[in-house]
Amino acid sequence: MWQILLLIAAVALAGCGKKTPPAEPVTNAEPKVAAEKQEPPKVEPKKPEPPKTEPKPKAKIPANAIVNTLGMPFVPVPGTEVSFCIWETRVKDYAAYAAANAGVDESWKNPGFKQEDTHPVVKVNWNDAQAFCEWLTKKELAEGKIKAGQKYRLPTDAEWSVAVGLGQEKGNTPEEKQSGIKGVYPWGKEWPPPKGAGNYNKFMKLHNFEYTSPVGSFASNKDGLHDMGGNVWEWCEDKYRPTSAYRVLRGASWGHGLNPDFLLSSIRNFDAPVGRDGVAGSLFDDFGFRCVLVGDSGG
């Protein structure tokens, strides 16, 4: 028995020697360092959005319209004996006339701002508009599009008043009728005009056009006619007064709007029929014209 006790004591003494520390676990991990500073995610600069344009009603050609060889649609206007073109004479219409006739003044090509071929032609005087109508009449008679007794011309002041929706005006001449019916505008009777009323001065914020706009960009009136107010002043046949050479213009333009009187349906403008830049009655960048078609029984 004592031998066993001696053996146990010997083993215990051997275990009291210096211990070997356990080996550190082997690892391939890199020592930790402070987290790298993160740059905020790069944001691509936002591309500027194209200027917003108002949805424009696409000008619909009425079913009863007569469309000529230049694509100009004409509709009858009750209360007159003529058919009105539903929009103002376009750049491309006038370009066809200029291409067919040598010596046409080229001021219309440089209005001072960019125009597309569907914008109304500007910088044309009364004589230019007359020459266009005469050329178009001869062209369409020769091609059999219109018949003898029919012709194109400018509307009279009285015809224009009917087409814009005016009632009976007092007076015998455009001068006597000047601004005679107050509070009536091509879009109605409210002031200020509602958005989309027409191409008037950009500061009125009715649209996004700076100068002229494509014909038919705004809704038509009850007779199917566009831009009877705004876009460009429209030459008429009449003299402003019998003793004057000045001819009448109607409808106001893209340059007007801050003064309500200039937007009246009964407003008249007038200028010399032979104006050229630097000469009395100089050409304006908001003067254009609209044609009417006279039938067999018309004037």
C-alpha atoms as a PDB file:
ATOM      1  CA  MET A   1       0.000   0.000   0.000  1.00  0.00           C
ATOM      2  CA  TRP A   2       2.757   2.420   0.888  1.00  0.00           C
ATOM      3  CA  GLN A   3       4.385   1.743  -2.517  1.00  0.00           C
ATOM      4  CA  ILE A   4       1.242   3.097  -4.272  1.00  0.00           C
ATOM      5  CA  LEU A   5       1.236   6.235  -2.145  1.00  0.00           C
ATOM      6  CA  LEU A   6       4.895   6.924  -3.023  1.00  0.00           C
ATOM      7  CA  LEU A   7       4.127   6.540  -6.721  1.00  0.00           C
ATOM      8  CA  ILE A   8       1.261   9.092  -6.562  1.00  0.00           C
ATOM      9  CA  ALA A   9       3.490  11.596  -4.707  1.00  0.00           C
ATOM     10  CA  ALA A  10       6.213  11.312  -7.321  1.00  0.00           C
ATOM     11  CA  VAL A  11       3.781  11.993 -10.159  1.00  0.00           C
ATOM     12  CA  ALA A  12       2.386  15.063  -8.365  1.00  0.00           C
ATOM     13  CA  LEU A  13       5.875  16.526  -7.861  1.00  0.00           C
ATOM     14  CA  ALA A  14       6.656  16.116 -11.573  1.00  0.00           C
ATOM     15  CA  GLY A  15       3.503  18.177 -12.474  1.00  0.00           C
ATOM     16  CA  CYS A  16       4.673  21.214 -10.473  1.00  0.00           C
ATOM     17  CA  GLY A  17       7.361  22.143 -13.066  1.00  0.00           C
ATOM     18  CA  LYS A  18       7.207  25.211 -15.455  1.00  0.00           C
ATOM     19  CA  LYS A  19       4.193  25.106 -17.715  1.00  0.00           C
ATOM     20  CA  THR A  20       4.572  25.652 -21.488  1.00  0.00           C
ATOM     21  CA  PRO A  21       2.178  28.375 -22.616  1.00  0.00           C
ATOM     22  CA  PRO A  22      -0.280  27.205 -25.176  1.00  0.00           C
ATOM     23  CA  ALA A  23       0.644  28.191 -28.706  1.00  0.00           C
ATOM     24  CA  GLU A  24      -1.264  31.209 -30.104  1.00  0.00           C
ATOM     25  CA  PRO A  25      -3.761  30.265 -32.690  1.00  0.00           C
ATOM     26  CA  VAL A  26      -2.321  30.596 -36.190  1.00  0.00           C
ATOM     27  CA  THR A  27      -4.135  33.114 -38.333  1.00  0.00           C
ATOM     28  CA  ASN A  28      -3.517  34.814 -41.678  1.00  0.00           C
ATOM     29  CA  ALA A  29      -5.701  37.753 -40.764  1.00  0.00           C
ATOM     30  CA  GLU A  30      -4.246  41.221 -41.304  1.00  0.00           C
ATOM     31  CA  PRO A  31      -4.084  43.419 -38.217  1.00  0.00           C
ATOM     32  CA  LYS A  32      -7.135  45.655 -37.978  1.00  0.00           C
ATOM     33  CA  VAL A  33      -6.692  49.288 -38.943  1.00  0.00           C
ATOM     34  CA  ALA A  34      -9.008  52.244 -38.734  1.00  0.00           C
ATOM     35  CA  ALA A  35     -11.757  51.991 -41.280  1.00  0.00           C
ATOM     36  CA  GLU A  36     -10.947  53.892 -44.463  1.00  0.00           C
ATOM     37  CA  LYS A  37     -12.856  57.199 -44.854  1.00  0.00           C
ATOM     38  CA  GLN A  38     -15.735  56.656 -47.239  1.00  0.00           C
ATOM     39  CA  GLU A  39     -16.317  59.257 -49.961  1.00  0.00           C
ATOM     40  CA  PRO A  40     -19.976  60.062 -50.472  1.00  0.00           C
ATOM     41  CA  PRO A  41     -21.295  58.356 -53.587  1.00  0.00           C
ATOM     42  CA  LYS A  42     -20.743  60.488 -56.655  1.00  0.00           C
ATOM     43  CA  VAL A  43     -23.925  61.943 -58.026  1.00  0.00           C
ATOM     44  CA  GLU A  44     -23.982  62.686 -61.719  1.00  0.00           C
ATOM     45  CA  PRO A  45     -24.903  66.326 -62.332  1.00  0.00           C
ATOM     46  CA  LYS A  46     -28.539  66.556 -63.319  1.00  0.00           C
ATOM     47  CA  LYS A  47     -28.972  67.392 -66.947  1.00  0.00           C
ATOM     48  CA  PRO A  48     -31.127  70.442 -67.451  1.00  0.00           C
ATOM     49  CA  GLU A  49     -34.580  69.485 -68.608  1.00  0.00           C
ATOM     50  CA  PRO A  50     -35.693  70.872 -71.936  1.00  0.00           C
ATOM     51  CA  PRO A  51     -38.048  73.823 -71.558  1.00  0.00           C
ATOM     52  CA  LYS A  52     -41.565  72.661 -71.011  1.00  0.00           C
ATOM     53  CA  THR A  53     -43.966  73.497 -73.762  1.00  0.00           C
ATOM     54  CA  GLU A  54     -47.669  73.562 -73.388  1.00  0.00           C
ATOM     55  CA  PRO A  55     -49.512  70.767 -75.107  1.00  0.00           C
ATOM     56  CA  LYS A  56     -50.699  72.285 -78.322  1.00  0.00           C
ATOM     57  CA  PRO A  57     -53.975  71.232 -79.885  1.00  0.00           C
ATOM     58  CA  LYS A  58     -53.170  69.841 -83.283  1.00  0.00           C
ATOM     59  CA  ALA A  59     -54.953  72.008 -85.808  1.00  0.00           C
ATOM     60  CA  LYS A  60     -57.622  69.869 -87.372  1.00  0.00           C
ATOM     61  CA  ILE A  61     -58.673  70.723 -90.883  1.00  0.00           C
ATOM     62  CA  PRO A  62     -62.487  70.914 -90.868  1.00  0.00           C
ATOM     63  CA  ALA A  63     -64.308  68.432 -93.073  1.00  0.00           C
ATOM     64  CA  ASN A  64     -65.888  71.251 -95.092  1.00  0.00           C
ATOM     65  CA  ALA A  65     -62.554  72.956 -95.829  1.00  0.00           C
ATOM     66  CA  ILE A  66     -61.256  73.556 -99.332  1.00  0.00           C
ATOM     67  CA  VAL A  67     -57.502  72.833 -99.283  1.00  0.00           C
ATOM     68  CA  ASN A  68     -55.510  74.525-102.038  1.00  0.00           C
ATOM     69  CA  THR A  69     -52.292  73.491-103.780  1.00  0.00           C
ATOM     70  CA  LEU A  70     -50.139  74.967-100.997  1.00  0.00           C
ATOM     71  CA  GLY A  71     -52.022  73.092 -98.298  1.00  0.00           C
ATOM     72  CA  MET A  72     -53.914  76.187 -97.103  1.00  0.00           C
ATOM     73  CA  PRO A  73     -57.397  75.188 -95.845  1.00  0.00           C
ATOM     74  CA  PHE A  74     -60.346  77.563 -96.365  1.00  0.00           C
ATOM     75  CA  VAL A  75     -63.693  77.410 -94.607  1.00  0.00           C
ATOM     76  CA  PRO A  76     -66.862  79.463 -95.148  1.00  0.00           C
ATOM     77  CA  VAL A  77     -67.630  82.022 -92.442  1.00  0.00           C
ATOM     78  CA  PRO A  78     -71.346  82.625 -91.847  1.00  0.00           C
ATOM     79  CA  GLY A  79     -72.268  86.265 -92.299  1.00  0.00           C
ATOM     80  CA  THR A  80     -69.744  86.755 -95.111  1.00  0.00           C
ATOM     81  CA  GLU A  81     -69.562  85.672 -98.741  1.00  0.00           C
ATOM     82  CA  VAL A  82     -65.975  84.454 -98.526  1.00  0.00           C
ATOM     83  CA  SER A  83     -64.041  81.510 -97.142  1.00  0.00           C
ATOM     84  CA  PHE A  84     -61.255  82.296 -94.683  1.00  0.00           C
ATOM     85  CA  CYS A  85     -57.970  80.430 -94.487  1.00  0.00           C
ATOM     86  CA  ILE A  86     -58.060  78.774 -91.063  1.00  0.00           C
ATOM     87  CA  TRP A  87     -54.587  80.119 -90.285  1.00  0.00           C
ATOM     88  CA  GLU A  88     -52.214  82.913 -91.250  1.00  0.00           C
ATOM     89  CA  THR A  89     -50.057  82.656 -94.363  1.00  0.00           C
ATOM     90  CA  ARG A  90     -47.048  80.538 -93.422  1.00  0.00           C
ATOM     91  CA  VAL A  91     -43.368  80.950 -94.159  1.00  0.00           C
ATOM     92  CA  LYS A  92     -43.502  77.969 -96.516  1.00  0.00           C
ATOM     93  CA  ASP A  93     -46.455  79.403 -98.443  1.00  0.00           C
ATOM     94  CA  TYR A  94     -44.640  82.672 -99.001  1.00  0.00           C
ATOM     95  CA  ALA A  95     -41.435  80.811 -99.860  1.00  0.00           C
ATOM     96  CA  ALA A  96     -43.273  79.073-102.729  1.00  0.00           C
ATOM     97  CA  TYR A  97     -44.379  82.470-104.037  1.00  0.00           C
ATOM     98  CA  ALA A  98     -40.870  83.942-103.710  1.00  0.00           C
ATOM     99  CA  ALA A  99     -39.331  80.942-105.503  1.00  0.00           C
ATOM    100  CA  ALA A 100     -41.711  81.380-108.431  1.00  0.00           C
ATOM    101  CA  ASN A 101     -41.195  85.131-108.812  1.00  0.00           C
ATOM    102  CA  ALA A 102     -37.899  86.890-109.352  1.00  0.00           C
ATOM    103  CA  GLY A 103     -37.227  90.069-107.442  1.00  0.00           C
ATOM    104  CA  VAL A 104     -39.397  89.406-104.374  1.00  0.00           C
ATOM    105  CA  ASP A 105     -38.022  91.378-101.444  1.00  0.00           C
ATOM    106  CA  GLU A 106     -36.209  89.052 -99.038  1.00  0.00           C
ATOM    107  CA  SER A 107     -36.860  90.879 -95.774  1.00  0.00           C
ATOM    108  CA  TRP A 108     -39.218  88.042 -94.756  1.00  0.00           C
ATOM    109  CA  LYS A 109     -36.217  85.689 -94.565  1.00  0.00           C
ATOM    110  CA  ASN A 110     -34.646  87.712 -91.734  1.00  0.00           C
ATOM    111  CA  PRO A 111     -37.257  88.500 -89.099  1.00  0.00           C
ATOM    112  CA  GLY A 112     -34.642  88.805 -86.350  1.00  0.00           C
ATOM    113  CA  PHE A 113     -35.521  85.504 -84.683  1.00  0.00           C
ATOM    114  CA  LYS A 114     -35.751  81.846 -85.667  1.00  0.00           C
ATOM    115  CA  GLN A 115     -38.822  80.692 -87.549  1.00  0.00           C
ATOM    116  CA  GLU A 116     -39.909  77.278 -88.778  1.00  0.00           C
ATOM    117  CA  ASP A 117     -41.733  76.934 -92.082  1.00  0.00           C
ATOM    118  CA  THR A 118     -45.073  76.565 -90.285  1.00  0.00           C
ATOM    119  CA  HIS A 119     -44.750  79.956 -88.551  1.00  0.00           C
ATOM    120  CA  PRO A 120     -46.604  82.937 -90.052  1.00  0.00           C
ATOM    121  CA  VAL A 121     -44.526  84.931 -92.498  1.00  0.00           C
ATOM    122  CA  VAL A 122     -43.623  88.416 -91.193  1.00  0.00           C
ATOM    123  CA  LYS A 123     -41.911  91.538 -92.467  1.00  0.00           C
ATOM    124  CA  VAL A 124     -44.289  91.757 -95.397  1.00  0.00           C
ATOM    125  CA  ASN A 125     -46.127  94.935 -96.335  1.00  0.00           C
ATOM    126  CA  TRP A 126     -49.615  95.357 -97.777  1.00  0.00           C
ATOM    127  CA  ASN A 127     -48.334  95.365-101.346  1.00  0.00           C
ATOM    128  CA  ASP A 128     -46.435  92.116-100.719  1.00  0.00           C
ATOM    129  CA  ALA A 129     -49.605  90.467 -99.432  1.00  0.00           C
ATOM    130  CA  GLN A 130     -51.550  91.699-102.469  1.00  0.00           C
ATOM    131  CA  ALA A 131     -48.899  90.330-104.848  1.00  0.00           C
ATOM    132  CA  PHE A 132     -49.032  86.942-103.102  1.00  0.00           C
ATOM    133  CA  CYS A 133     -52.820  86.756-103.503  1.00  0.00           C
ATOM    134  CA  GLU A 134     -52.632  87.698-107.187  1.00  0.00           C
ATOM    135  CA  TRP A 135     -49.952  85.068-107.843  1.00  0.00           C
ATOM    136  CA  LEU A 136     -51.895  82.375-105.989  1.00  0.00           C
ATOM    137  CA  THR A 137     -55.059  83.192-107.945  1.00  0.00           C
ATOM    138  CA  LYS A 138     -53.258  82.875-111.303  1.00  0.00           C
ATOM    139  CA  LYS A 139     -51.508  79.675-110.192  1.00  0.00           C
ATOM    140  CA  GLU A 140     -54.697  77.944-109.080  1.00  0.00           C
ATOM    141  CA  LEU A 141     -56.712  79.079-112.104  1.00  0.00           C
ATOM    142  CA  ALA A 142     -54.008  77.663-114.384  1.00  0.00           C
ATOM    143  CA  GLU A 143     -53.984  74.374-112.465  1.00  0.00           C
ATOM    144  CA  GLY A 144     -57.771  74.106-112.401  1.00  0.00           C
ATOM    145  CA  LYS A 145     -57.966  74.251-108.599  1.00  0.00           C
ATOM    146  CA  ILE A 146     -60.320  77.237-108.669  1.00  0.00           C
ATOM    147  CA  LYS A 147     -62.653  78.359-111.426  1.00  0.00           C
ATOM    148  CA  ALA A 148     -63.298  81.608-113.235  1.00  0.00           C
ATOM    149  CA  GLY A 149     -64.869  84.134-110.905  1.00  0.00           C
ATOM    150  CA  GLN A 150     -62.963  82.896-107.893  1.00  0.00           C
ATOM    151  CA  LYS A 151     -59.906  84.625-106.500  1.00  0.00           C
ATOM    152  CA  TYR A 152     -57.759  85.045-103.416  1.00  0.00           C
ATOM    153  CA  ARG A 153     -57.475  88.370-101.630  1.00  0.00           C
ATOM    154  CA  LEU A 154     -57.129  89.908 -98.177  1.00  0.00           C
ATOM    155  CA  PRO A 155     -60.257  90.082 -96.003  1.00  0.00           C
ATOM    156  CA  THR A 156     -62.067  93.378 -95.699  1.00  0.00           C
ATOM    157  CA  ASP A 157     -62.184  95.019 -92.286  1.00  0.00           C
ATOM    158  CA  ALA A 158     -65.903  94.172 -92.030  1.00  0.00           C
ATOM    159  CA  GLU A 159     -65.331  90.505 -92.961  1.00  0.00           C
ATOM    160  CA  TRP A 160     -62.579  90.234 -90.389  1.00  0.00           C
ATOM    161  CA  SER A 161     -64.895  91.617 -87.700  1.00  0.00           C
ATOM    162  CA  VAL A 162     -67.504  88.965 -88.488  1.00  0.00           C
ATOM    163  CA  ALA A 163     -64.869  86.217 -88.459  1.00  0.00           C
ATOM    164  CA  VAL A 164     -63.567  87.266 -85.024  1.00  0.00           C
ATOM    165  CA  GLY A 165     -67.110  87.156 -83.649  1.00  0.00           C
ATOM    166  CA  LEU A 166     -67.921  90.841 -83.209  1.00  0.00           C
ATOM    167  CA  GLY A 167     -71.491  92.057 -83.257  1.00  0.00           C
ATOM    168  CA  GLN A 168     -72.721  95.147 -85.045  1.00  0.00           C
ATOM    169  CA  GLU A 169     -70.117  97.924 -84.905  1.00  0.00           C
ATOM    170  CA  LYS A 170     -70.969 101.609 -84.970  1.00  0.00           C
ATOM    171  CA  GLY A 171     -69.309 103.684 -87.665  1.00  0.00           C
ATOM    172  CA  ASN A 172     -68.707 103.596 -91.393  1.00  0.00           C
ATOM    173  CA  THR A 173     -64.913 103.351 -91.562  1.00  0.00           C
ATOM    174  CA  PRO A 174     -62.269 101.383 -89.658  1.00  0.00           C
ATOM    175  CA  GLU A 175     -61.221 104.625 -87.976  1.00  0.00           C
ATOM    176  CA  GLU A 176     -64.779 105.265 -86.739  1.00  0.00           C
ATOM    177  CA  LYS A 177     -65.050 101.659 -85.496  1.00  0.00           C
ATOM    178  CA  GLN A 178     -61.689 101.763 -83.721  1.00  0.00           C
ATOM    179  CA  SER A 179     -61.943 100.017 -80.305  1.00  0.00           C
ATOM    180  CA  GLY A 180     -65.676 100.636 -80.335  1.00  0.00           C
ATOM    181  CA  ILE A 181     -66.719  97.458 -78.527  1.00  0.00           C
ATOM    182  CA  LYS A 182     -65.116  97.287 -75.085  1.00  0.00           C
ATOM    183  CA  GLY A 183     -64.515  94.177 -73.031  1.00  0.00           C
ATOM    184  CA  VAL A 184     -64.754  91.735 -75.939  1.00  0.00           C
ATOM    185  CA  TYR A 185     -61.657  89.761 -76.929  1.00  0.00           C
ATOM    186  CA  PRO A 186     -61.023  86.937 -79.406  1.00  0.00           C
ATOM    187  CA  TRP A 187     -61.152  84.403 -76.537  1.00  0.00           C
ATOM    188  CA  GLY A 188     -64.213  85.892 -74.797  1.00  0.00           C
ATOM    189  CA  LYS A 189     -64.884  88.553 -72.154  1.00  0.00           C
ATOM    190  CA  GLU A 190     -62.612  87.614 -69.240  1.00  0.00           C
ATOM    191  CA  TRP A 191     -59.512  89.570 -68.261  1.00  0.00           C
ATOM    192  CA  PRO A 192     -56.725  88.675 -67.840  1.00  0.00           C
ATOM    193  CA  PRO A 193     -56.820  86.155 -70.681  1.00  0.00           C
ATOM    194  CA  PRO A 194     -56.717  82.470 -69.707  1.00  0.00           C
ATOM    195  CA  LYS A 195     -53.702  80.288 -70.494  1.00  0.00           C
ATOM    196  CA  GLY A 196     -53.729  79.213 -74.115  1.00  0.00           C
ATOM    197  CA  ALA A 197     -55.834  82.204 -75.212  1.00  0.00           C
ATOM    198  CA  GLY A 198     -53.337  82.989 -77.967  1.00  0.00           C
ATOM    199  CA  ASN A 199     -49.768  83.989 -78.742  1.00  0.00           C
ATOM    200  CA  TYR A 200     -49.571  87.300 -76.922  1.00  0.00           C
ATOM    201  CA  ASN A 201     -46.660  88.955 -75.113  1.00  0.00           C
ATOM    202  CA  LYS A 202     -44.489  86.373 -73.330  1.00  0.00           C
ATOM    203  CA  PHE A 203     -44.595  88.360 -70.080  1.00  0.00           C
ATOM    204  CA  MET A 204     -48.257  87.442 -69.745  1.00  0.00           C
ATOM    205  CA  LYS A 205     -47.142  83.802 -69.254  1.00  0.00           C
ATOM    206  CA  LEU A 206     -49.921  82.331 -71.358  1.00  0.00           C
ATOM    207  CA  HIS A 207     -47.562  80.004 -73.257  1.00  0.00           C
ATOM    208  CA  ASN A 208     -43.868  79.262 -73.820  1.00  0.00           C
ATOM    209  CA  PHE A 209     -43.305  81.011 -77.129  1.00  0.00           C
ATOM    210  CA  GLU A 210     -40.987  83.991 -77.308  1.00  0.00           C
ATOM    211  CA  TYR A 211     -41.872  85.281 -80.758  1.00  0.00           C
ATOM    212  CA  THR A 212     -44.113  83.785 -83.458  1.00  0.00           C
ATOM    213  CA  SER A 213     -45.576  80.316 -83.014  1.00  0.00           C
ATOM    214  CA  PRO A 214     -46.560  77.632 -85.529  1.00  0.00           C
ATOM    215  CA  VAL A 215     -49.979  78.362 -86.987  1.00  0.00           C
ATOM    216  CA  GLY A 216     -52.688  76.291 -85.351  1.00  0.00           C
ATOM    217  CA  SER A 217     -50.861  76.071 -82.006  1.00  0.00           C
ATOM    218  CA  PHE A 218     -53.899  77.431 -80.181  1.00  0.00           C
ATOM    219  CA  ALA A 219     -57.514  76.345 -80.260  1.00  0.00           C
ATOM    220  CA  SER A 220     -59.703  77.633 -83.075  1.00  0.00           C
ATOM    221  CA  ASN A 221     -62.783  79.800 -82.685  1.00  0.00           C
ATOM    222  CA  LYS A 222     -66.328  78.630 -83.413  1.00  0.00           C
ATOM    223  CA  ASP A 223     -65.782  78.979 -87.171  1.00  0.00           C
ATOM    224  CA  GLY A 224     -62.603  76.886 -87.129  1.00  0.00           C
ATOM    225  CA  LEU A 225     -60.196  79.832 -87.454  1.00  0.00           C
ATOM    226  CA  HIS A 226     -56.916  79.933 -85.507  1.00  0.00           C
ATOM    227  CA  ASP A 227     -54.952  82.971 -84.274  1.00  0.00           C
ATOM    228  CA  MET A 228     -57.673  85.543 -84.801  1.00  0.00           C
ATOM    229  CA  GLY A 229     -56.010  87.115 -81.784  1.00  0.00           C
ATOM    230  CA  GLY A 230     -52.249  87.168 -81.357  1.00  0.00           C
ATOM    231  CA  ASN A 231     -49.299  85.702 -83.281  1.00  0.00           C
ATOM    232  CA  VAL A 232     -49.176  88.433 -85.972  1.00  0.00           C
ATOM    233  CA  TRP A 233     -51.145  91.496 -87.028  1.00  0.00           C
ATOM    234  CA  GLU A 234     -53.092  90.691 -90.219  1.00  0.00           C
ATOM    235  CA  TRP A 235     -53.346  93.052 -93.177  1.00  0.00           C
ATOM    236  CA  CYS A 236     -56.843  93.842 -94.459  1.00  0.00           C
ATOM    237  CA  GLU A 237     -58.038  95.337 -97.747  1.00  0.00           C
ATOM    238  CA  ASP A 238     -59.336  98.627 -96.363  1.00  0.00           C
ATOM    239  CA  LYS A 239     -57.865 102.040 -95.876  1.00  0.00           C
ATOM    240  CA  TYR A 240     -57.948 103.190 -92.269  1.00  0.00           C
ATOM    241  CA  ARG A 241     -59.703 106.360 -93.388  1.00  0.00           C
ATOM    242  CA  PRO A 242     -60.831 107.272 -96.935  1.00  0.00           C
ATOM    243  CA  THR A 243     -58.405 110.181 -97.239  1.00  0.00           C
ATOM    244  CA  SER A 244     -55.383 108.177 -96.028  1.00  0.00           C
ATOM    245  CA  ALA A 245     -53.114 105.769 -97.862  1.00  0.00           C
ATOM    246  CA  TYR A 246     -52.648 103.729 -94.678  1.00  0.00           C
ATOM    247  CA  ARG A 247     -54.121 100.232 -94.649  1.00  0.00           C
ATOM    248  CA  VAL A 248     -55.735  98.395 -91.749  1.00  0.00           C
ATOM    249  CA  LEU A 249     -54.293  95.527 -89.704  1.00  0.00           C
ATOM    250  CA  ARG A 250     -56.273  93.448 -87.194  1.00  0.00           C
ATOM    251  CA  GLY A 251     -55.752  90.946 -84.402  1.00  0.00           C
ATOM    252  CA  ALA A 252     -52.729  92.135 -82.355  1.00  0.00           C
ATOM    253  CA  SER A 253     -49.564  90.021 -82.113  1.00  0.00           C
ATOM    254  CA  TRP A 254     -46.955  88.210 -80.036  1.00  0.00           C
ATOM    255  CA  GLY A 255     -45.612  91.613 -78.965  1.00  0.00           C
ATOM    256  CA  HIS A 256     -48.841  92.846 -77.336  1.00  0.00           C
ATOM    257  CA  GLY A 257     -50.774  91.991 -74.234  1.00  0.00           C
ATOM    258  CA  LEU A 258     -49.972  94.138 -71.227  1.00  0.00           C
ATOM    259  CA  ASN A 259     -52.498  96.784 -72.287  1.00  0.00           C
ATOM    260  CA  PRO A 260     -56.016  95.284 -72.508  1.00  0.00           C
ATOM    261  CA  ASP A 261     -57.060  97.795 -75.166  1.00  0.00           C
ATOM    262  CA  PHE A 262     -54.538  96.364 -77.612  1.00  0.00           C
ATOM    263  CA  LEU A 263     -56.151  92.925 -77.383  1.00  0.00           C
ATOM    264  CA  LEU A 264     -59.733  93.991 -78.045  1.00  0.00           C
ATOM    265  CA  SER A 265     -61.409  92.277 -80.979  1.00  0.00           C
ATOM    266  CA  SER A 266     -62.295  95.765 -82.241  1.00  0.00           C
ATOM    267  CA  ILE A 267     -58.715  97.127 -82.113  1.00  0.00           C
ATOM    268  CA  ARG A 268     -57.279  98.405 -85.409  1.00  0.00           C
ATOM    269  CA  ASN A 269     -53.688  99.061 -86.366  1.00  0.00           C
ATOM    270  CA  PHE A 270     -52.651 100.781 -89.600  1.00  0.00           C
ATOM    271  CA  ASP A 271     -49.535 101.397 -91.648  1.00  0.00           C
ATOM    272  CA  ALA A 272     -48.331 102.462 -95.083  1.00  0.00           C
ATOM    273  CA  PRO A 273     -48.800  99.794 -97.773  1.00  0.00           C
ATOM    274  CA  VAL A 274     -45.299 100.155 -99.238  1.00  0.00           C
ATOM    275  CA  GLY A 275     -43.110 100.108 -96.144  1.00  0.00           C
ATOM    276  CA  ARG A 276     -39.521  98.913 -96.305  1.00  0.00           C
ATOM    277  CA  ASP A 277     -36.864  99.133 -93.625  1.00  0.00           C
ATOM    278  CA  GLY A 278     -35.676 102.700 -93.321  1.00  0.00           C
ATOM    279  CA  VAL A 279     -38.659 104.058 -95.237  1.00  0.00           C
ATOM    280  CA  ALA A 280     -41.928 105.434 -93.904  1.00  0.00           C
ATOM    281  CA  GLY A 281     -44.046 102.450 -92.973  1.00  0.00           C
ATOM    282  CA  SER A 282     -41.046 100.232 -92.268  1.00  0.00           C
ATOM    283  CA  LEU A 283     -41.523  96.479 -92.143  1.00  0.00           C
ATOM    284  CA  PHE A 284     -42.389  94.974 -88.782  1.00  0.00           C
ATOM    285  CA  ASP A 285     -41.573  91.568 -87.361  1.00  0.00           C
ATOM    286  CA  ASP A 286     -45.161  91.081 -86.223  1.00  0.00           C
ATOM    287  CA  PHE A 287     -46.995  92.039 -89.438  1.00  0.00           C
ATOM    288  CA  GLY A 288     -48.359  89.171 -91.513  1.00  0.00           C
ATOM    289  CA  PHE A 289     -51.580  88.346 -93.359  1.00  0.00           C
ATOM    290  CA  ARG A 290     -54.387  85.848 -93.888  1.00  0.00           C
ATOM    291  CA  CYS A 291     -56.071  85.116 -97.217  1.00  0.00           C
ATOM    292  CA  VAL A 292     -59.704  84.655 -98.089  1.00  0.00           C
ATOM    293  CA  LEU A 293     -61.149  82.860-101.103  1.00  0.00           C
ATOM    294  CA  VAL A 294     -63.883  84.702-102.973  1.00  0.00           C
ATOM    295  CA  GLY A 295     -66.495  82.561-104.730  1.00  0.00           C
ATOM    296  CA  ASP A 296     -68.677  83.273-107.729  1.00  0.00           C
ATOM    297  CA  SER A 297     -71.085  85.325-105.646  1.00  0.00           C
ATOM    298  CA  GLY A 298     -68.439  86.858-103.409  1.00  0.00           C
ATOM    299  CA  GLY A 299     -66.816  90.271-103.512  1.00  0.00           C
END
